[in-house]
Amino acid sequence: MKITLYPYDYSRHTPAEQMAKVLEELKELEMAGDKLSAVTEETFDVIQALVGYLITLGVDVEAANKRHIEKLERRRGDGENKKT
């Protein structure tokens, strides 16, 4: 699976501003209830906002994602979730 996000220019925002956006989007996700289309839309808004937060903090998102996957693979042992 690969998720592609909108290439937004986060340099215009501080980490605090972006965290406020994360919290706003989380509230909208909570309000979506169980309406599938709304939950889907708001979930991707949360993902976009969270990645934006990492970017405003100066995190190399691709490298951090790679480390995250490697950590999960180690936890699962020998990458048992890998598709061949």
N, C-alpha and C. Protein backbone atom coordinates (compact mmCIF):
# COMPACT_ATOMS: atom_id res chain seq x y z
N MET A 1 0.85 -1.17 0.00
CA MET A 1 0.00 0.00 0.00
C MET A 1 0.90 1.23 0.00
N LYS A 2 0.49 2.22 -0.75
CA LYS A 2 1.19 3.49 -0.77
C LYS A 2 0.16 4.61 -0.71
N ILE A 3 0.39 5.55 0.17
CA ILE A 3 -0.48 6.71 0.28
C ILE A 3 0.30 7.91 -0.24
N THR A 4 -0.30 8.61 -1.17
CA THR A 4 0.31 9.82 -1.71
C THR A 4 -0.47 11.01 -1.17
N LEU A 5 0.25 11.96 -0.60
CA LEU A 5 -0.38 13.13 -0.02
C LEU A 5 -0.21 14.34 -0.91
N TYR A 6 -1.08 15.30 -0.75
CA TYR A 6 -1.00 16.54 -1.49
C TYR A 6 0.30 17.25 -1.13
N PRO A 7 1.02 17.78 -2.10
CA PRO A 7 2.31 18.41 -1.82
C PRO A 7 2.17 19.85 -1.28
N TYR A 8 1.59 19.97 -0.14
CA TYR A 8 1.34 21.27 0.50
C TYR A 8 2.65 21.88 0.98
N ASP A 9 2.77 23.20 0.93
CA ASP A 9 3.95 23.92 1.39
C ASP A 9 3.80 24.22 2.89
N TYR A 10 4.37 23.38 3.72
CA TYR A 10 4.25 23.53 5.17
C TYR A 10 5.20 24.57 5.73
N SER A 11 6.08 25.13 4.92
CA SER A 11 7.03 26.13 5.41
C SER A 11 6.32 27.39 5.90
N ARG A 12 5.07 27.54 5.54
CA ARG A 12 4.28 28.71 5.97
C ARG A 12 3.72 28.55 7.38
N HIS A 13 3.94 27.39 7.99
CA HIS A 13 3.33 27.10 9.28
C HIS A 13 4.37 26.70 10.32
N THR A 14 4.10 27.06 11.55
CA THR A 14 4.93 26.63 12.67
C THR A 14 4.43 25.26 13.14
N PRO A 15 5.25 24.54 13.88
CA PRO A 15 4.77 23.28 14.45
C PRO A 15 3.50 23.46 15.28
N ALA A 16 3.41 24.54 16.05
CA ALA A 16 2.22 24.77 16.87
C ALA A 16 0.98 24.97 16.01
N GLU A 17 1.12 25.71 14.93
CA GLU A 17 -0.01 25.91 14.02
C GLU A 17 -0.44 24.59 13.39
N GLN A 18 0.55 23.78 13.03
CA GLN A 18 0.21 22.51 12.38
C GLN A 18 -0.41 21.54 13.38
N MET A 19 0.05 21.57 14.63
CA MET A 19 -0.57 20.72 15.64
C MET A 19 -2.02 21.13 15.86
N ALA A 20 -2.31 22.41 15.80
CA ALA A 20 -3.69 22.87 15.91
C ALA A 20 -4.52 22.29 14.78
N LYS A 21 -3.93 22.20 13.59
CA LYS A 21 -4.62 21.61 12.45
C LYS A 21 -4.88 20.12 12.68
N VAL A 22 -3.90 19.43 13.26
CA VAL A 22 -4.08 18.01 13.59
C VAL A 22 -5.27 17.84 14.52
N LEU A 23 -5.31 18.65 15.57
CA LEU A 23 -6.40 18.54 16.55
C LEU A 23 -7.75 18.87 15.93
N GLU A 24 -7.77 19.86 15.05
CA GLU A 24 -9.00 20.22 14.33
C GLU A 24 -9.49 19.04 13.49
N GLU A 25 -8.56 18.42 12.78
CA GLU A 25 -8.94 17.30 11.91
C GLU A 25 -9.37 16.08 12.73
N LEU A 26 -8.73 15.86 13.86
CA LEU A 26 -9.14 14.75 14.74
C LEU A 26 -10.57 14.96 15.24
N LYS A 27 -10.90 16.20 15.58
CA LYS A 27 -12.26 16.51 16.04
C LYS A 27 -13.27 16.24 14.92
N GLU A 28 -12.90 16.64 13.68
CA GLU A 28 -13.79 16.38 12.55
C GLU A 28 -13.95 14.88 12.30
N LEU A 29 -12.89 14.11 12.51
CA LEU A 29 -12.99 12.66 12.38
C LEU A 29 -13.92 12.10 13.44
N GLU A 30 -13.78 12.59 14.64
CA GLU A 30 -14.66 12.14 15.73
C GLU A 30 -16.13 12.45 15.39
N MET A 31 -16.38 13.63 14.83
CA MET A 31 -17.75 14.04 14.51
C MET A 31 -18.33 13.27 13.32
N ALA A 32 -17.46 12.64 12.52
CA ALA A 32 -17.93 11.91 11.34
C ALA A 32 -18.75 10.68 11.72
N GLY A 33 -18.62 10.24 12.96
CA GLY A 33 -19.40 9.09 13.41
C GLY A 33 -19.05 7.85 12.63
N ASP A 34 -20.10 7.19 12.12
CA ASP A 34 -19.88 5.97 11.36
C ASP A 34 -20.25 6.13 9.88
N LYS A 35 -20.31 7.37 9.42
CA LYS A 35 -20.60 7.63 8.01
C LYS A 35 -19.34 7.36 7.22
N LEU A 36 -19.31 6.26 6.48
CA LEU A 36 -18.11 5.77 5.83
C LEU A 36 -17.40 6.81 4.97
N SER A 37 -18.14 7.54 4.15
CA SER A 37 -17.49 8.51 3.28
C SER A 37 -16.86 9.64 4.10
N ALA A 38 -17.54 10.09 5.14
CA ALA A 38 -17.00 11.15 5.98
C ALA A 38 -15.80 10.65 6.78
N VAL A 39 -15.88 9.44 7.31
CA VAL A 39 -14.77 8.86 8.07
C VAL A 39 -13.54 8.72 7.17
N THR A 40 -13.75 8.26 5.96
CA THR A 40 -12.64 8.10 5.02
C THR A 40 -11.99 9.45 4.73
N GLU A 41 -12.79 10.43 4.39
CA GLU A 41 -12.27 11.77 4.09
C GLU A 41 -11.52 12.36 5.27
N GLU A 42 -12.11 12.28 6.43
CA GLU A 42 -11.48 12.88 7.62
C GLU A 42 -10.23 12.12 8.05
N THR A 43 -10.21 10.82 7.85
CA THR A 43 -9.01 10.03 8.18
C THR A 43 -7.83 10.49 7.34
N PHE A 44 -8.06 10.68 6.05
CA PHE A 44 -6.97 11.16 5.19
C PHE A 44 -6.59 12.59 5.54
N ASP A 45 -7.53 13.40 5.98
CA ASP A 45 -7.20 14.75 6.45
C ASP A 45 -6.28 14.67 7.68
N VAL A 46 -6.57 13.73 8.58
CA VAL A 46 -5.73 13.54 9.76
C VAL A 46 -4.33 13.10 9.36
N ILE A 47 -4.25 12.15 8.45
CA ILE A 47 -2.94 11.67 7.98
C ILE A 47 -2.15 12.82 7.38
N GLN A 48 -2.79 13.60 6.51
CA GLN A 48 -2.12 14.74 5.88
C GLN A 48 -1.63 15.73 6.94
N ALA A 49 -2.47 16.02 7.91
CA ALA A 49 -2.11 16.98 8.96
C ALA A 49 -0.97 16.45 9.83
N LEU A 50 -0.99 15.17 10.16
CA LEU A 50 0.08 14.59 10.97
C LEU A 50 1.41 14.59 10.24
N VAL A 51 1.39 14.22 8.98
CA VAL A 51 2.63 14.26 8.19
C VAL A 51 3.12 15.71 8.09
N GLY A 52 2.21 16.63 7.91
CA GLY A 52 2.58 18.04 7.88
C GLY A 52 3.22 18.48 9.18
N TYR A 53 2.72 17.98 10.29
CA TYR A 53 3.32 18.30 11.59
C TYR A 53 4.76 17.82 11.65
N LEU A 54 4.98 16.59 11.22
CA LEU A 54 6.35 16.06 11.20
C LEU A 54 7.25 16.93 10.32
N ILE A 55 6.73 17.35 9.19
CA ILE A 55 7.51 18.18 8.27
C ILE A 55 7.87 19.51 8.94
N THR A 56 6.91 20.12 9.63
CA THR A 56 7.20 21.41 10.29
C THR A 56 8.23 21.25 11.40
N LEU A 57 8.34 20.04 11.93
CA LEU A 57 9.35 19.77 12.96
C LEU A 57 10.72 19.47 12.34
N GLY A 58 10.76 19.32 11.02
CA GLY A 58 12.02 19.03 10.35
C GLY A 58 12.34 17.56 10.22
N VAL A 59 11.34 16.71 10.40
CA VAL A 59 11.54 15.27 10.29
C VAL A 59 11.66 14.86 8.83
N ASP A 60 12.61 13.99 8.52
CA ASP A 60 12.69 13.37 7.20
C ASP A 60 11.65 12.25 7.20
N VAL A 61 10.48 12.53 6.64
CA VAL A 61 9.34 11.63 6.74
C VAL A 61 9.62 10.29 6.07
N GLU A 62 10.27 10.30 4.91
CA GLU A 62 10.56 9.03 4.23
C GLU A 62 11.49 8.16 5.07
N ALA A 63 12.53 8.74 5.63
CA ALA A 63 13.46 7.98 6.46
C ALA A 63 12.77 7.48 7.72
N ALA A 64 11.96 8.32 8.33
CA ALA A 64 11.24 7.94 9.55
C ALA A 64 10.25 6.81 9.26
N ASN A 65 9.59 6.86 8.10
CA ASN A 65 8.66 5.81 7.72
C ASN A 65 9.40 4.49 7.51
N LYS A 66 10.56 4.55 6.88
CA LYS A 66 11.37 3.35 6.67
C LYS A 66 11.75 2.73 8.01
N ARG A 67 12.21 3.56 8.95
CA ARG A 67 12.56 3.05 10.28
C ARG A 67 11.35 2.45 10.99
N HIS A 68 10.19 3.06 10.81
CA HIS A 68 8.96 2.56 11.43
C HIS A 68 8.62 1.17 10.90
N ILE A 69 8.69 1.00 9.58
CA ILE A 69 8.40 -0.30 8.98
C ILE A 69 9.40 -1.34 9.46
N GLU A 70 10.67 -0.98 9.51
CA GLU A 70 11.70 -1.91 9.99
C GLU A 70 11.44 -2.31 11.44
N LYS A 71 11.02 -1.37 12.27
CA LYS A 71 10.70 -1.68 13.66
C LYS A 71 9.56 -2.68 13.74
N LEU A 72 8.52 -2.46 12.96
CA LEU A 72 7.37 -3.38 12.98
C LEU A 72 7.76 -4.75 12.46
N GLU A 73 8.62 -4.78 11.44
CA GLU A 73 9.08 -6.07 10.93
C GLU A 73 9.88 -6.83 11.98
N ARG A 74 10.72 -6.12 12.73
CA ARG A 74 11.48 -6.77 13.80
C ARG A 74 10.54 -7.33 14.86
N ARG A 75 9.51 -6.58 15.18
CA ARG A 75 8.55 -7.04 16.19
C ARG A 75 7.82 -8.30 15.73
N ARG A 76 7.54 -8.38 14.45
CA ARG A 76 6.81 -9.53 13.90
C ARG A 76 7.73 -10.71 13.64
N GLY A 77 9.02 -10.44 13.53
CA GLY A 77 9.99 -11.49 13.29
C GLY A 77 10.09 -11.88 11.84
N ASP A 78 11.23 -11.65 11.25
CA ASP A 78 11.54 -12.05 9.86
C ASP A 78 10.57 -11.51 8.83
N GLY A 79 9.89 -10.43 9.14
CA GLY A 79 9.01 -9.80 8.14
C GLY A 79 7.90 -10.68 7.66
N GLU A 80 7.25 -11.39 8.57
CA GLU A 80 6.21 -12.35 8.18
C GLU A 80 5.04 -11.70 7.45
N ASN A 81 4.88 -10.38 7.56
CA ASN A 81 3.80 -9.69 6.86
C ASN A 81 4.17 -9.28 5.45
N LYS A 82 5.44 -9.46 5.06
CA LYS A 82 5.86 -9.07 3.72
C LYS A 82 5.16 -9.91 2.67
N LYS A 83 4.74 -9.24 1.62
CA LYS A 83 4.13 -9.95 0.49
C LYS A 83 5.23 -10.33 -0.47
N THR A 84 5.11 -11.50 -1.06
CA THR A 84 6.12 -11.94 -2.02
C THR A 84 5.60 -11.91 -3.42
